[in-house]
Protein backbone atom coordinates (compact mmCIF):
# COMPACT_ATOMS: atom_id res chain seq x y z
CA MET A 1 94.72 -0.56 85.89
CA THR A 2 96.84 1.22 87.80
CA THR A 3 96.37 4.45 89.42
CA LEU A 4 98.78 5.70 86.53
CA GLN A 5 97.33 4.15 83.76
CA ARG A 6 93.62 5.63 84.93
CA ALA A 7 94.99 8.89 85.13
CA GLU A 8 96.46 8.83 81.57
CA ALA A 9 93.15 6.70 80.41
CA ALA A 10 91.17 9.89 81.73
CA GLU A 11 93.14 12.65 80.31
CA HIS A 12 93.43 10.70 76.85
CA ALA A 13 89.52 10.46 76.63
CA LEU A 14 88.99 14.41 77.58
CA SER A 15 91.56 15.21 75.09
CA GLN A 16 89.48 13.09 72.38
CA GLU A 17 86.24 15.33 73.91
CA LEU A 18 88.21 18.55 74.00
CA ASP A 19 89.22 17.61 69.71
CA ARG A 20 85.42 17.25 68.67
CA VAL A 21 83.79 19.28 66.46
CA VAL A 22 80.79 21.34 67.81
CA VAL A 23 77.82 22.82 65.62
CA LYS A 24 75.16 25.21 67.07
CA SER A 25 72.10 24.54 66.24
CA VAL A 26 69.68 27.01 63.89
CA LEU A 27 67.94 27.96 67.10
CA PHE A 28 71.20 29.24 68.98
CA THR A 29 71.93 31.28 66.20
CA SER A 30 69.21 32.80 64.18
CA GLY A 31 68.63 36.18 64.16
CA GLU A 32 72.51 36.74 64.79
CA ARG A 33 72.43 34.86 60.91
CA ASP A 34 69.68 34.03 58.53
CA PRO A 35 68.98 30.70 59.48
CA ARG A 36 68.01 30.41 55.39
CA GLN A 37 71.25 30.48 55.06
CA PRO A 38 73.85 27.12 55.15
CA VAL A 39 75.76 26.88 58.65
CA THR A 40 79.08 27.30 57.64
CA ARG A 41 80.54 24.30 59.40
CA PRO A 42 84.13 24.11 61.59
CA PRO A 43 86.58 22.02 59.04
CA ASP A 44 86.67 18.67 60.83
CA ASN A 45 90.48 17.97 59.40
CA GLY A 46 89.02 14.24 60.25
CA ARG A 47 87.91 14.88 63.98
CA LEU A 48 84.78 13.63 65.07
CA TYR A 49 81.82 15.48 65.89
CA MET A 50 80.18 16.56 69.24
CA MET A 51 78.08 13.21 70.20
CA GLY A 52 78.08 13.14 74.13
CA HIS A 53 79.24 15.34 77.18
CA ASP A 54 80.64 18.57 76.42
CA PRO A 55 84.09 19.13 78.28
CA ARG A 56 83.67 23.16 78.56
CA LEU A 57 80.76 22.16 80.62
CA PRO A 58 80.64 20.18 83.81
CA ARG A 59 79.40 16.46 83.81
CA MET A 60 75.81 15.60 85.09
CA PRO A 61 75.58 12.38 86.74
CA ASP A 62 74.63 9.51 85.46
CA LYS A 63 70.78 9.89 86.83
CA PRO A 64 70.32 13.82 86.96
CA THR A 65 68.56 15.38 89.97
CA LEU A 66 66.16 18.51 89.29
CA PHE A 67 68.42 19.77 91.67
CA ASP A 68 71.97 18.90 89.56
CA PHE A 69 69.92 20.74 86.51
CA PHE A 70 70.01 24.00 89.09
CA ARG A 71 73.40 23.06 90.00
CA LEU A 72 74.71 22.74 86.55
CA ARG A 73 72.93 23.34 83.79
CA PHE A 74 70.94 26.26 84.97
CA GLY A 75 71.94 30.30 85.01
CA PRO A 76 71.52 32.07 87.92
CA SER A 77 68.42 31.15 89.42
CA ALA A 78 68.16 34.16 91.81
CA HIS A 79 64.82 35.21 90.78
CA LEU A 80 63.66 31.50 91.15
CA LEU A 81 64.86 31.36 94.87
CA GLN A 82 63.91 34.34 95.77
CA SER A 83 60.20 34.24 94.38
CA ALA A 84 59.86 30.56 96.12
CA ARG A 85 61.02 32.33 99.35
CA LEU A 86 58.91 35.19 99.21
CA ALA A 87 55.74 32.60 98.30
CA MET A 88 56.83 30.54 101.30
CA ASN A 89 56.90 33.75 103.65
CA ASN A 90 53.21 34.57 102.34
CA GLY A 91 52.20 31.52 103.59
CA VAL A 92 50.53 30.08 100.24
CA ASP A 93 50.08 26.12 99.32
CA GLU A 94 53.39 24.40 99.03
CA LYS A 95 52.27 23.35 94.93
CA ILE A 96 52.47 27.84 94.58
CA VAL A 97 55.37 27.49 96.54
CA LEU A 98 57.03 24.76 93.84
CA ALA A 99 55.35 26.53 90.84
CA CYS A 100 56.70 29.84 91.49
CA LEU A 101 60.27 27.81 91.80
CA LEU A 102 59.95 26.24 88.80
CA HIS A 103 58.12 29.00 86.85
CA ASP A 104 61.32 30.41 84.62
CA ILE A 105 63.06 27.20 84.41
CA ALA A 106 62.85 27.74 80.43
CA THR A 107 64.35 30.90 80.99
CA ALA A 108 66.95 29.55 83.24
CA GLY A 109 67.82 26.76 81.52
CA PHE A 110 66.41 26.29 77.48
CA ILE A 111 64.77 29.08 76.11
CA ARG A 112 63.53 32.83 76.56
CA SER A 113 60.42 32.88 74.12
CA ASP A 114 56.98 31.41 75.37
CA HIS A 115 58.88 30.41 78.43
CA GLY A 116 55.71 29.55 80.83
CA TYR A 117 54.95 27.40 78.16
CA TRP A 118 58.45 25.56 77.45
CA SER A 119 59.03 25.32 81.03
CA ALA A 120 55.24 23.98 81.80
CA GLN A 121 56.25 21.37 78.87
CA LEU A 122 59.33 20.61 80.80
CA LEU A 123 57.61 19.62 84.10
CA GLU A 124 54.15 18.43 83.35
CA PRO A 125 55.37 14.70 83.65
CA TYR A 126 56.83 15.20 86.87
CA VAL A 127 54.09 18.09 88.70
CA ASP A 128 50.78 17.82 89.42
CA GLU A 129 48.15 19.32 86.86
CA GLU A 130 47.49 22.40 88.23
CA VAL A 131 51.21 23.37 88.88
CA ALA A 132 51.74 22.74 85.45
CA TRP A 133 49.19 24.67 84.44
CA GLY A 134 49.52 27.97 86.29
CA ILE A 135 53.04 28.27 85.00
CA ARG A 136 51.79 28.04 81.40
CA TYR A 137 49.78 30.49 81.89
CA HIS A 138 51.23 33.33 84.51
CA GLN A 139 53.05 33.67 80.97
CA ALA A 140 49.81 35.33 79.80
CA LEU A 141 48.19 36.86 83.45
CA ARG A 142 51.80 38.84 84.09
CA PHE A 143 50.47 41.63 81.38
CA PHE A 144 47.43 42.00 82.50
CA PRO A 145 46.78 43.54 86.62
CA ASP A 146 44.75 42.10 89.49
CA GLU A 147 44.07 44.63 91.71
CA SER A 148 42.31 42.22 93.79
CA VAL A 149 45.57 40.68 95.07
CA GLY A 150 47.22 43.67 94.59
CA TYR A 151 49.15 43.00 91.43
CA ARG A 152 49.83 45.64 89.16
CA TYR A 153 51.50 45.68 85.50
CA PRO A 154 55.40 45.57 86.61
CA GLU A 155 57.28 48.76 86.13
CA LEU A 156 60.08 46.89 84.33
CA TYR A 157 58.05 46.17 82.00
CA LEU A 158 57.48 49.69 81.05
CA LYS A 159 61.34 50.13 81.10
CA LEU A 160 62.03 46.48 78.78
CA PHE A 161 59.10 47.21 76.07
CA GLY A 162 58.23 50.44 76.57
CA ALA A 163 54.87 52.19 77.41
CA ASP A 164 53.40 51.51 74.03
CA TYR A 165 54.01 47.69 74.54
CA VAL A 166 50.48 45.65 73.70
CA PRO A 167 50.34 41.88 74.00
CA GLU A 168 49.99 39.78 70.81
CA PRO A 169 46.31 38.61 70.44
CA HIS A 170 47.42 34.81 71.42
CA ILE A 171 48.70 36.51 74.80
CA GLN A 172 45.17 38.21 75.32
CA GLU A 173 43.38 35.52 74.61
CA ALA A 174 44.91 33.07 76.63
CA TYR A 175 44.65 35.60 79.80
CA ARG A 176 40.63 35.67 78.70
CA TYR A 177 40.87 31.75 78.65
CA ALA A 178 43.04 31.81 81.86
CA ARG A 179 40.75 34.63 83.70
CA ASP A 180 37.68 32.06 83.70
CA HIS A 181 39.47 29.15 84.64
CA LYS A 182 39.25 26.86 87.80
CA TRP A 183 42.88 27.59 88.52
CA TYR A 184 43.12 31.71 88.04
CA MET A 185 44.51 31.82 91.27
CA THR A 186 46.60 29.52 90.96
CA SER A 187 48.44 31.11 88.19
CA ARG A 188 47.92 34.31 89.71
CA LEU A 189 49.60 33.93 92.93
CA ILE A 190 52.43 32.96 90.87
CA THR A 191 52.89 36.27 89.42
CA VAL A 192 51.87 37.98 92.91
CA ASN A 193 55.55 36.64 93.93
CA ASP A 194 57.01 37.15 90.70
CA LEU A 195 60.02 39.02 92.04
CA TYR A 196 60.59 42.08 89.26
CA ALA A 197 63.02 43.53 91.21
CA PHE A 198 66.25 41.48 93.05
CA ASP A 199 68.47 42.38 96.16
CA PRO A 200 71.75 41.00 95.38
CA SER A 201 72.05 41.16 99.58
CA VAL A 202 69.59 38.22 99.59
CA GLN A 203 71.21 34.69 99.68
CA VAL A 204 68.72 32.04 99.21
CA GLU A 205 69.81 28.29 99.63
CA LEU A 206 68.10 25.59 97.05
CA GLU A 207 68.24 23.24 99.70
CA GLU A 208 65.49 24.86 101.42
CA PHE A 209 63.22 23.95 99.09
CA THR A 210 64.59 20.32 99.17
CA ASP A 211 61.15 19.04 101.25
CA VAL A 212 58.83 21.61 98.76
CA VAL A 213 60.31 19.69 96.25
CA GLY A 214 60.64 15.70 97.55
CA ARG A 215 57.08 15.96 98.22
CA HIS A 216 55.84 17.42 94.91
CA PHE A 217 58.10 16.55 92.30
CA ARG A 218 58.41 13.38 90.95
CA GLN A 219 61.37 12.69 90.31
CA PRO A 220 62.00 9.52 87.82
CA LYS A 221 64.23 6.95 89.40
CA GLU A 222 66.09 6.90 86.06
CA GLY A 223 67.18 10.37 86.34
CA LEU A 224 65.70 13.66 84.30
CA GLY A 225 65.90 13.08 80.37
CA PHE A 226 66.35 8.96 80.89
CA ASP A 227 62.41 8.50 81.64
CA GLN A 228 60.92 8.08 78.56
CA SER A 229 58.58 10.45 79.52
CA PRO A 230 56.87 13.37 77.11
CA SER A 231 59.54 15.52 78.03
CA ALA A 232 62.87 13.93 78.62
CA HIS A 233 64.11 14.56 75.27
CA MET A 234 63.90 18.67 76.18
CA TRP A 235 66.17 17.20 79.31
CA ARG A 236 68.64 15.88 77.59
CA THR A 237 68.90 18.98 75.16
CA ILE A 238 69.64 20.87 78.49
CA ASN A 239 72.20 18.10 79.39
CA TRP A 240 73.87 17.94 76.33
CA PRO A 241 73.29 21.36 74.38
CA THR A 242 76.02 20.75 71.64
CA ARG A 243 74.99 17.06 70.73
CA TYR A 244 75.58 16.98 67.23
CA LEU A 245 72.39 14.59 66.77
């Protein structure tokens, strides 16, 4: 193909992608609408449904890395980056630095509710078991102070949830379990370095953590989402969030 032919073929392929029908999953609309009600689908008029790359998003590499997801799929990550730098400056073990960098990736790229559990599940095949455990239980520990390490209940939570908010029984049970676990301090140090106020003037580059990630994150050679791990499907969902099936 000539250069002109390739350009025309690419333009034609893009126009076809742009013409795909996109149907949102129930989770993306529940609350704004009653999920029990039938989904009103847009008229397709003979068009095909979205089953691959959504041209409204930047295209991911064929073998995406963790950093590709940070750059191309996750929301603004200043919180994660600043928390990881704080942990690094505090001289904690590199595994804790990695945990701080990744503790809220579910919130950044997937789902907010139960984000500690979702983040841990995304990461379990690729990080040390202690790191995944710490990320899972930081969700419960953040609601409970520990004066021995200077951790207090976040003032931000008083503003967000009200002074009368009491964590649900399953969160309280998770806290009691984690409090007696051998990796308690791993999870607690995530909360200690979990910044609740961000300085917009502070710039932290993802590349600052290249070596830490390289040493402690097992990047699959096939790319995240294509390595047949127990959480590969979750990474594919973040990669292709509007696939019909």
